[in-house]
Each structure stands twice: as C-alpha cells, then as structure tokens.
Amino acid sequence: QRALGDADAVSFGDYHLARLVIFTLTGRRDGTDEELAELLEPFRGQRYRAVRMFELHGAKPERRGPRMSVPAHRYGQS
C-alpha cells in the first residue's frame, strides 16, 4: 500500500482503509471513497502520512458479531 516515498499517495478503493479513516475522524462505521477524499483534503500533500498516523493511532470500530468458536480437532479420537 506504500508508494515508494510519495507522501501524498492514498489507496482509494481499499475498503478497510476508508473505513478506518472515516471512523477515526468522524466516529461513523462506514463510508465511501468520496468521503475519504473529502476528509483527507486538509492533509493534501501529506495524505499518506496522515493515513499512516491514523493506522498507528489504533482507533478501530468495534466488531459486530461474536467470535468463532475453535473446532475441537482431536486426532485419533472420535
């Protein structure tokens, strides 16, 4: 996802990236690439660095469903 030193490169079309940035800046769970571009406009020239800081910040939306149970794999037993 990195563009060889380009500080303004943004991966538009990446579902998880848009969701992360929109959640970090607005608190909403979902959004579009158009909203992502609008929110990153104040960071023009440094958009990749801004997105990277949001990733490192660690704010993520809560998960929606329960965790999957671990299947019981017991080899040699029925």
N, C-alpha and C. Protein backbone atom coordinates (compact mmCIF):
# COMPACT_ATOMS: atom_id res chain seq x y z
N GLN A 1 0.81 -1.20 0.00
CA GLN A 1 0.00 0.00 0.00
C GLN A 1 0.85 1.26 0.00
N ARG A 2 2.15 1.09 0.07
CA ARG A 2 3.02 2.28 0.09
C ARG A 2 3.50 2.58 -1.31
N ALA A 3 3.72 3.85 -1.59
CA ALA A 3 4.08 4.26 -2.95
C ALA A 3 5.48 4.87 -3.01
N LEU A 4 6.47 4.13 -2.62
CA LEU A 4 7.87 4.50 -2.79
C LEU A 4 8.19 5.95 -2.47
N GLY A 5 7.84 6.38 -1.29
CA GLY A 5 8.22 7.71 -0.83
C GLY A 5 7.27 8.82 -1.17
N ASP A 6 6.18 8.55 -1.87
CA ASP A 6 5.21 9.59 -2.19
C ASP A 6 4.36 9.86 -0.96
N ALA A 7 4.53 11.04 -0.37
CA ALA A 7 3.84 11.37 0.88
C ALA A 7 2.37 11.68 0.67
N ASP A 8 1.92 11.77 -0.58
CA ASP A 8 0.53 12.14 -0.85
C ASP A 8 -0.27 10.98 -1.45
N ALA A 9 0.30 9.78 -1.53
CA ALA A 9 -0.39 8.64 -2.14
C ALA A 9 -1.43 8.06 -1.19
N VAL A 10 -2.64 7.88 -1.70
CA VAL A 10 -3.72 7.28 -0.91
C VAL A 10 -4.28 6.11 -1.71
N SER A 11 -4.55 5.00 -1.04
CA SER A 11 -5.10 3.82 -1.71
C SER A 11 -6.62 3.92 -1.76
N PHE A 12 -7.13 4.65 -2.74
CA PHE A 12 -8.57 4.71 -2.92
C PHE A 12 -9.04 3.36 -3.45
N GLY A 13 -10.20 2.91 -3.01
CA GLY A 13 -10.70 1.60 -3.39
C GLY A 13 -10.45 0.55 -2.33
N ASP A 14 -9.68 0.87 -1.32
CA ASP A 14 -9.40 -0.05 -0.23
C ASP A 14 -10.49 0.11 0.83
N TYR A 15 -11.34 -0.90 0.97
CA TYR A 15 -12.48 -0.82 1.89
C TYR A 15 -12.04 -0.56 3.32
N HIS A 16 -11.04 -1.28 3.78
CA HIS A 16 -10.63 -1.17 5.18
C HIS A 16 -9.98 0.17 5.48
N LEU A 17 -9.23 0.70 4.55
CA LEU A 17 -8.57 1.99 4.76
C LEU A 17 -9.60 3.10 4.89
N ALA A 18 -10.57 3.14 3.99
CA ALA A 18 -11.62 4.16 4.06
C ALA A 18 -12.39 4.05 5.37
N ARG A 19 -12.71 2.83 5.75
CA ARG A 19 -13.47 2.61 6.99
C ARG A 19 -12.67 3.08 8.21
N LEU A 20 -11.38 2.79 8.24
CA LEU A 20 -10.54 3.19 9.36
C LEU A 20 -10.44 4.71 9.47
N VAL A 21 -10.17 5.38 8.37
CA VAL A 21 -10.00 6.84 8.39
C VAL A 21 -11.32 7.52 8.75
N ILE A 22 -12.41 7.08 8.15
CA ILE A 22 -13.71 7.70 8.43
C ILE A 22 -14.10 7.47 9.88
N PHE A 23 -13.84 6.29 10.43
CA PHE A 23 -14.15 6.05 11.84
C PHE A 23 -13.29 6.93 12.74
N THR A 24 -12.01 7.05 12.43
CA THR A 24 -11.10 7.84 13.26
C THR A 24 -11.49 9.31 13.27
N LEU A 25 -11.88 9.85 12.13
CA LEU A 25 -12.16 11.28 12.05
C LEU A 25 -13.60 11.66 12.38
N THR A 26 -14.56 10.75 12.16
CA THR A 26 -15.97 11.12 12.37
C THR A 26 -16.69 10.26 13.39
N GLY A 27 -16.20 9.05 13.64
CA GLY A 27 -16.88 8.15 14.56
C GLY A 27 -17.92 7.27 13.87
N ARG A 28 -18.14 7.46 12.57
CA ARG A 28 -19.09 6.62 11.83
C ARG A 28 -18.40 5.34 11.39
N ARG A 29 -19.17 4.26 11.27
CA ARG A 29 -18.60 2.96 10.96
C ARG A 29 -18.30 2.74 9.49
N ASP A 30 -19.09 3.32 8.60
CA ASP A 30 -18.92 3.06 7.17
C ASP A 30 -18.84 4.36 6.38
N GLY A 31 -18.29 4.27 5.19
CA GLY A 31 -18.21 5.44 4.33
C GLY A 31 -17.74 5.06 2.95
N THR A 32 -17.59 6.05 2.10
CA THR A 32 -17.20 5.82 0.71
C THR A 32 -15.85 6.48 0.43
N ASP A 33 -15.31 6.18 -0.75
CA ASP A 33 -14.05 6.79 -1.16
C ASP A 33 -14.19 8.30 -1.33
N GLU A 34 -15.37 8.74 -1.75
CA GLU A 34 -15.60 10.18 -1.91
C GLU A 34 -15.51 10.88 -0.55
N GLU A 35 -16.08 10.25 0.48
CA GLU A 35 -15.98 10.83 1.83
C GLU A 35 -14.54 10.80 2.32
N LEU A 36 -13.83 9.73 2.00
CA LEU A 36 -12.42 9.62 2.38
C LEU A 36 -11.62 10.76 1.75
N ALA A 37 -11.83 11.01 0.46
CA ALA A 37 -11.12 12.09 -0.22
C ALA A 37 -11.46 13.45 0.39
N GLU A 38 -12.72 13.64 0.74
CA GLU A 38 -13.15 14.90 1.35
C GLU A 38 -12.51 15.10 2.73
N LEU A 39 -12.45 14.03 3.52
CA LEU A 39 -11.87 14.14 4.86
C LEU A 39 -10.35 14.35 4.82
N LEU A 40 -9.70 13.80 3.79
CA LEU A 40 -8.24 13.93 3.69
C LEU A 40 -7.79 15.20 2.97
N GLU A 41 -8.73 15.97 2.45
CA GLU A 41 -8.39 17.18 1.71
C GLU A 41 -7.54 18.16 2.52
N PRO A 42 -7.81 18.38 3.82
CA PRO A 42 -6.95 19.30 4.58
C PRO A 42 -5.50 18.82 4.71
N PHE A 43 -5.27 17.52 4.46
CA PHE A 43 -3.93 16.95 4.58
C PHE A 43 -3.25 16.83 3.22
N ARG A 44 -3.78 17.48 2.18
CA ARG A 44 -3.23 17.36 0.82
C ARG A 44 -1.73 17.67 0.85
N GLY A 45 -0.98 16.80 0.21
CA GLY A 45 0.47 16.90 0.21
C GLY A 45 1.09 15.94 1.22
N GLN A 46 0.32 15.57 2.24
CA GLN A 46 0.80 14.66 3.28
C GLN A 46 -0.25 13.60 3.60
N ARG A 47 -1.10 13.28 2.64
CA ARG A 47 -2.23 12.38 2.92
C ARG A 47 -1.78 10.99 3.33
N TYR A 48 -0.75 10.44 2.69
CA TYR A 48 -0.29 9.11 3.09
C TYR A 48 0.21 9.13 4.53
N ARG A 49 0.95 10.14 4.87
CA ARG A 49 1.47 10.24 6.24
C ARG A 49 0.33 10.39 7.25
N ALA A 50 -0.71 11.14 6.89
CA ALA A 50 -1.86 11.30 7.77
C ALA A 50 -2.57 9.96 7.96
N VAL A 51 -2.76 9.22 6.86
CA VAL A 51 -3.41 7.92 6.95
C VAL A 51 -2.58 6.98 7.81
N ARG A 52 -1.28 7.01 7.64
CA ARG A 52 -0.39 6.15 8.44
C ARG A 52 -0.50 6.48 9.92
N MET A 53 -0.60 7.75 10.26
CA MET A 53 -0.77 8.14 11.66
C MET A 53 -2.11 7.64 12.21
N PHE A 54 -3.15 7.67 11.39
CA PHE A 54 -4.45 7.14 11.83
C PHE A 54 -4.35 5.64 12.07
N GLU A 55 -3.61 4.93 11.22
CA GLU A 55 -3.43 3.49 11.41
C GLU A 55 -2.70 3.20 12.71
N LEU A 56 -1.68 3.98 12.99
CA LEU A 56 -0.88 3.76 14.20
C LEU A 56 -1.60 4.20 15.46
N HIS A 57 -2.58 5.07 15.32
CA HIS A 57 -3.36 5.56 16.46
C HIS A 57 -4.07 4.42 17.15
N GLY A 58 -4.56 3.46 16.39
CA GLY A 58 -5.18 2.27 16.96
C GLY A 58 -6.68 2.34 17.15
N ALA A 59 -7.34 3.42 16.79
CA ALA A 59 -8.79 3.50 16.92
C ALA A 59 -9.43 2.64 15.84
N LYS A 60 -10.25 1.70 16.25
CA LYS A 60 -10.92 0.81 15.30
C LYS A 60 -12.37 0.64 15.74
N PRO A 61 -13.28 0.49 14.79
CA PRO A 61 -14.67 0.24 15.17
C PRO A 61 -14.79 -1.10 15.88
N GLU A 62 -15.76 -1.20 16.78
CA GLU A 62 -15.97 -2.46 17.47
C GLU A 62 -16.44 -3.52 16.48
N ARG A 63 -16.11 -4.74 16.78
CA ARG A 63 -16.55 -5.83 15.92
C ARG A 63 -18.04 -6.06 16.14
N ARG A 64 -18.72 -6.53 15.09
CA ARG A 64 -20.18 -6.63 15.15
C ARG A 64 -20.69 -7.96 15.68
N GLY A 65 -20.00 -9.02 15.42
CA GLY A 65 -20.52 -10.33 15.76
C GLY A 65 -19.66 -11.06 16.78
N PRO A 66 -20.15 -12.19 17.26
CA PRO A 66 -19.36 -12.97 18.22
C PRO A 66 -18.18 -13.64 17.52
N ARG A 67 -17.19 -13.99 18.28
CA ARG A 67 -16.04 -14.68 17.73
C ARG A 67 -16.42 -16.10 17.37
N MET A 68 -15.72 -16.63 16.40
CA MET A 68 -15.97 -18.02 16.01
C MET A 68 -15.41 -18.95 17.08
N SER A 69 -16.12 -20.03 17.34
CA SER A 69 -15.61 -20.99 18.31
C SER A 69 -14.50 -21.81 17.66
N VAL A 70 -13.60 -22.28 18.48
CA VAL A 70 -12.49 -23.08 18.00
C VAL A 70 -12.97 -24.52 17.84
N PRO A 71 -12.81 -25.11 16.66
CA PRO A 71 -13.25 -26.50 16.49
C PRO A 71 -12.34 -27.44 17.28
N ALA A 72 -12.94 -28.49 17.81
CA ALA A 72 -12.19 -29.47 18.59
C ALA A 72 -11.57 -30.49 17.64
N HIS A 73 -10.29 -30.34 17.35
CA HIS A 73 -9.58 -31.29 16.49
C HIS A 73 -8.82 -32.25 17.39
N ARG A 74 -9.34 -33.43 17.50
CA ARG A 74 -8.66 -34.44 18.30
C ARG A 74 -8.36 -35.62 17.40
N TYR A 75 -7.13 -35.72 17.04
CA TYR A 75 -6.72 -36.75 16.10
C TYR A 75 -6.66 -38.10 16.80
N GLY A 76 -7.24 -39.08 16.17
CA GLY A 76 -7.21 -40.43 16.73
C GLY A 76 -8.36 -40.70 17.68
N GLN A 77 -9.21 -39.72 17.93
CA GLN A 77 -10.35 -39.91 18.83
C GLN A 77 -11.63 -39.57 18.08
N SER A 78 -12.70 -40.20 18.44
CA SER A 78 -13.98 -39.93 17.79
C SER A 78 -14.83 -39.03 18.63
